[in-house]
N, C-alpha and C. Protein backbone atom coordinates (compact mmCIF):
# COMPACT_ATOMS: atom_id res chain seq x y z
N UNK A 1 11.46 5.32 -46.99
CA UNK A 1 10.26 5.33 -46.16
C UNK A 1 10.64 5.83 -44.78
N UNK A 2 9.77 6.62 -44.18
CA UNK A 2 10.02 7.20 -42.87
C UNK A 2 9.57 6.23 -41.78
N UNK A 3 10.51 5.75 -40.96
CA UNK A 3 10.17 4.83 -39.88
C UNK A 3 10.71 5.36 -38.56
N UNK A 4 10.09 4.90 -37.48
CA UNK A 4 10.55 5.25 -36.14
C UNK A 4 10.81 3.94 -35.41
N UNK A 5 11.97 3.82 -34.78
CA UNK A 5 12.34 2.58 -34.10
C UNK A 5 12.22 2.73 -32.59
N UNK A 6 11.73 1.65 -31.96
CA UNK A 6 11.60 1.59 -30.51
C UNK A 6 12.42 0.40 -30.01
N UNK A 7 13.35 0.65 -29.09
CA UNK A 7 14.20 -0.42 -28.55
C UNK A 7 13.38 -1.37 -27.68
N UNK A 8 13.77 -2.65 -27.70
CA UNK A 8 13.18 -3.67 -26.85
C UNK A 8 14.26 -4.16 -25.90
N UNK A 9 13.94 -4.21 -24.60
CA UNK A 9 14.90 -4.62 -23.57
C UNK A 9 14.45 -5.92 -22.92
N UNK A 10 15.42 -6.72 -22.48
CA UNK A 10 15.09 -7.91 -21.69
C UNK A 10 14.93 -7.50 -20.24
N UNK A 11 14.68 -8.47 -19.37
CA UNK A 11 14.44 -8.15 -17.95
C UNK A 11 15.64 -7.53 -17.26
N UNK A 12 16.84 -7.80 -17.79
CA UNK A 12 18.05 -7.23 -17.20
C UNK A 12 18.34 -5.83 -17.73
N UNK A 13 17.53 -5.37 -18.68
CA UNK A 13 17.73 -4.04 -19.23
C UNK A 13 18.59 -4.00 -20.48
N UNK A 14 19.03 -5.15 -20.97
CA UNK A 14 19.84 -5.20 -22.18
C UNK A 14 18.95 -5.04 -23.41
N UNK A 15 19.42 -4.30 -24.39
CA UNK A 15 18.68 -4.16 -25.64
C UNK A 15 18.80 -5.48 -26.41
N UNK A 16 17.65 -6.06 -26.78
CA UNK A 16 17.64 -7.32 -27.51
C UNK A 16 17.14 -7.16 -28.94
N UNK A 17 16.69 -5.96 -29.27
CA UNK A 17 16.21 -5.69 -30.62
C UNK A 17 15.47 -4.38 -30.67
N UNK A 18 14.78 -4.15 -31.79
CA UNK A 18 13.97 -2.95 -31.92
C UNK A 18 12.80 -3.20 -32.86
N UNK A 19 11.77 -2.40 -32.70
CA UNK A 19 10.59 -2.45 -33.55
C UNK A 19 10.58 -1.19 -34.39
N UNK A 20 10.49 -1.37 -35.70
CA UNK A 20 10.39 -0.25 -36.63
C UNK A 20 8.90 -0.01 -36.91
N UNK A 21 8.42 1.18 -36.62
CA UNK A 21 7.02 1.54 -36.83
C UNK A 21 6.88 2.21 -38.19
N UNK A 22 6.06 1.62 -39.05
CA UNK A 22 5.82 2.16 -40.38
C UNK A 22 4.68 3.19 -40.32
N UNK A 23 4.64 4.13 -41.27
CA UNK A 23 3.58 5.15 -41.27
C UNK A 23 2.16 4.58 -41.33
N UNK A 24 1.99 3.39 -41.95
CA UNK A 24 0.66 2.80 -42.08
C UNK A 24 0.26 1.97 -40.86
N UNK A 25 1.11 1.92 -39.82
CA UNK A 25 0.81 1.17 -38.61
C UNK A 25 1.47 -0.19 -38.55
N UNK A 26 1.97 -0.69 -39.67
CA UNK A 26 2.69 -1.97 -39.67
C UNK A 26 3.99 -1.81 -38.88
N UNK A 27 4.52 -2.95 -38.42
CA UNK A 27 5.77 -2.93 -37.66
C UNK A 27 6.68 -4.06 -38.13
N UNK A 28 8.00 -3.83 -38.00
CA UNK A 28 9.01 -4.84 -38.31
C UNK A 28 9.89 -5.01 -37.08
N UNK A 29 10.06 -6.25 -36.65
CA UNK A 29 10.90 -6.57 -35.50
C UNK A 29 12.27 -7.00 -35.98
N UNK A 30 13.32 -6.39 -35.43
CA UNK A 30 14.70 -6.75 -35.77
C UNK A 30 15.48 -7.02 -34.49
N UNK A 31 16.41 -7.99 -34.58
CA UNK A 31 17.27 -8.28 -33.43
C UNK A 31 18.46 -7.34 -33.43
N UNK A 32 19.39 -7.55 -32.51
CA UNK A 32 20.55 -6.65 -32.38
C UNK A 32 21.51 -6.75 -33.56
N UNK A 33 21.42 -7.82 -34.34
CA UNK A 33 22.24 -7.95 -35.56
C UNK A 33 21.50 -7.41 -36.77
N UNK A 34 20.36 -6.76 -36.54
CA UNK A 34 19.53 -6.14 -37.58
C UNK A 34 18.86 -7.16 -38.50
N UNK A 35 18.74 -8.40 -38.03
CA UNK A 35 18.04 -9.43 -38.79
C UNK A 35 16.54 -9.35 -38.47
N UNK A 36 15.70 -9.47 -39.49
CA UNK A 36 14.25 -9.45 -39.27
C UNK A 36 13.83 -10.69 -38.50
N UNK A 37 13.08 -10.48 -37.43
CA UNK A 37 12.56 -11.59 -36.61
C UNK A 37 11.05 -11.74 -36.74
N UNK A 38 10.37 -10.69 -37.21
CA UNK A 38 8.92 -10.79 -37.37
C UNK A 38 8.31 -9.52 -37.92
N UNK A 39 7.01 -9.64 -38.25
CA UNK A 39 6.25 -8.53 -38.83
C UNK A 39 4.89 -8.46 -38.17
N UNK A 40 4.36 -7.26 -38.06
CA UNK A 40 2.98 -7.07 -37.61
C UNK A 40 2.23 -6.33 -38.71
N UNK A 41 1.11 -6.88 -39.13
CA UNK A 41 0.25 -6.28 -40.14
C UNK A 41 -0.92 -5.61 -39.41
N UNK A 42 -0.92 -4.29 -39.37
CA UNK A 42 -1.93 -3.55 -38.62
C UNK A 42 -3.32 -3.70 -39.23
N UNK A 43 -3.42 -3.73 -40.54
CA UNK A 43 -4.72 -3.83 -41.19
C UNK A 43 -5.37 -5.19 -40.93
N UNK A 44 -4.59 -6.25 -41.04
CA UNK A 44 -5.12 -7.59 -40.79
C UNK A 44 -5.09 -7.98 -39.32
N UNK A 45 -4.34 -7.23 -38.50
CA UNK A 45 -4.18 -7.47 -37.07
C UNK A 45 -3.63 -8.86 -36.77
N UNK A 46 -2.51 -9.20 -37.42
CA UNK A 46 -1.84 -10.46 -37.13
C UNK A 46 -0.33 -10.29 -37.16
N UNK A 47 0.36 -11.21 -36.51
CA UNK A 47 1.81 -11.22 -36.42
C UNK A 47 2.35 -12.36 -37.27
N UNK A 48 3.42 -12.08 -38.00
CA UNK A 48 4.09 -13.09 -38.82
C UNK A 48 5.53 -13.26 -38.34
N UNK A 49 6.07 -14.46 -38.50
CA UNK A 49 7.48 -14.67 -38.17
C UNK A 49 8.35 -14.20 -39.33
N UNK A 50 9.65 -14.41 -39.24
CA UNK A 50 10.59 -13.95 -40.26
C UNK A 50 10.35 -14.61 -41.62
N UNK A 51 9.72 -15.79 -41.63
CA UNK A 51 9.42 -16.51 -42.87
C UNK A 51 8.03 -16.18 -43.40
N UNK A 52 7.39 -15.18 -42.83
CA UNK A 52 6.07 -14.70 -43.23
C UNK A 52 4.92 -15.64 -42.85
N UNK A 53 5.17 -16.60 -41.95
CA UNK A 53 4.10 -17.47 -41.46
C UNK A 53 3.31 -16.72 -40.38
N UNK A 54 1.98 -16.78 -40.43
CA UNK A 54 1.17 -16.17 -39.39
C UNK A 54 1.34 -16.98 -38.12
N UNK A 55 1.72 -16.30 -37.03
CA UNK A 55 1.96 -16.99 -35.76
C UNK A 55 0.98 -16.56 -34.67
N UNK A 56 0.28 -15.44 -34.85
CA UNK A 56 -0.65 -14.99 -33.81
C UNK A 56 -1.61 -13.95 -34.36
N UNK A 57 -2.76 -13.86 -33.74
CA UNK A 57 -3.71 -12.79 -33.98
C UNK A 57 -3.32 -11.65 -33.05
N UNK A 58 -3.29 -10.44 -33.55
CA UNK A 58 -2.88 -9.30 -32.75
C UNK A 58 -1.38 -9.07 -32.87
N UNK A 59 -0.89 -8.09 -32.12
CA UNK A 59 0.53 -7.75 -32.16
C UNK A 59 1.29 -8.49 -31.08
N UNK A 60 2.02 -9.52 -31.46
CA UNK A 60 2.80 -10.35 -30.52
C UNK A 60 4.29 -10.31 -30.86
N UNK A 61 4.75 -9.23 -31.48
CA UNK A 61 6.15 -9.15 -31.90
C UNK A 61 7.13 -9.35 -30.75
N UNK A 62 6.88 -8.74 -29.62
CA UNK A 62 7.81 -8.84 -28.49
C UNK A 62 8.00 -10.28 -28.04
N UNK A 63 6.98 -11.09 -28.18
CA UNK A 63 7.11 -12.50 -27.78
C UNK A 63 8.03 -13.28 -28.71
N UNK A 64 8.31 -12.77 -29.90
CA UNK A 64 9.20 -13.44 -30.84
C UNK A 64 10.67 -13.23 -30.50
N UNK A 65 10.97 -12.27 -29.64
CA UNK A 65 12.37 -11.96 -29.35
C UNK A 65 12.73 -12.10 -27.87
N UNK A 66 11.79 -11.98 -26.98
CA UNK A 66 12.09 -12.05 -25.54
C UNK A 66 11.88 -13.44 -24.99
């Protein structure tokens, strides 16, 4: 699958993870060890944690890692 990754930085400018953008608009959040930290479902417009529990309405992936 073709994905595009966007780095996420903390306030000090350190890379703390990245978001993989899927062609359908969904996103996967990974930390610097490449472990999944969360998911965003674009169609349903909700954010899930690494265990697939819904944690927020809308895209709140960055709040799961920063």
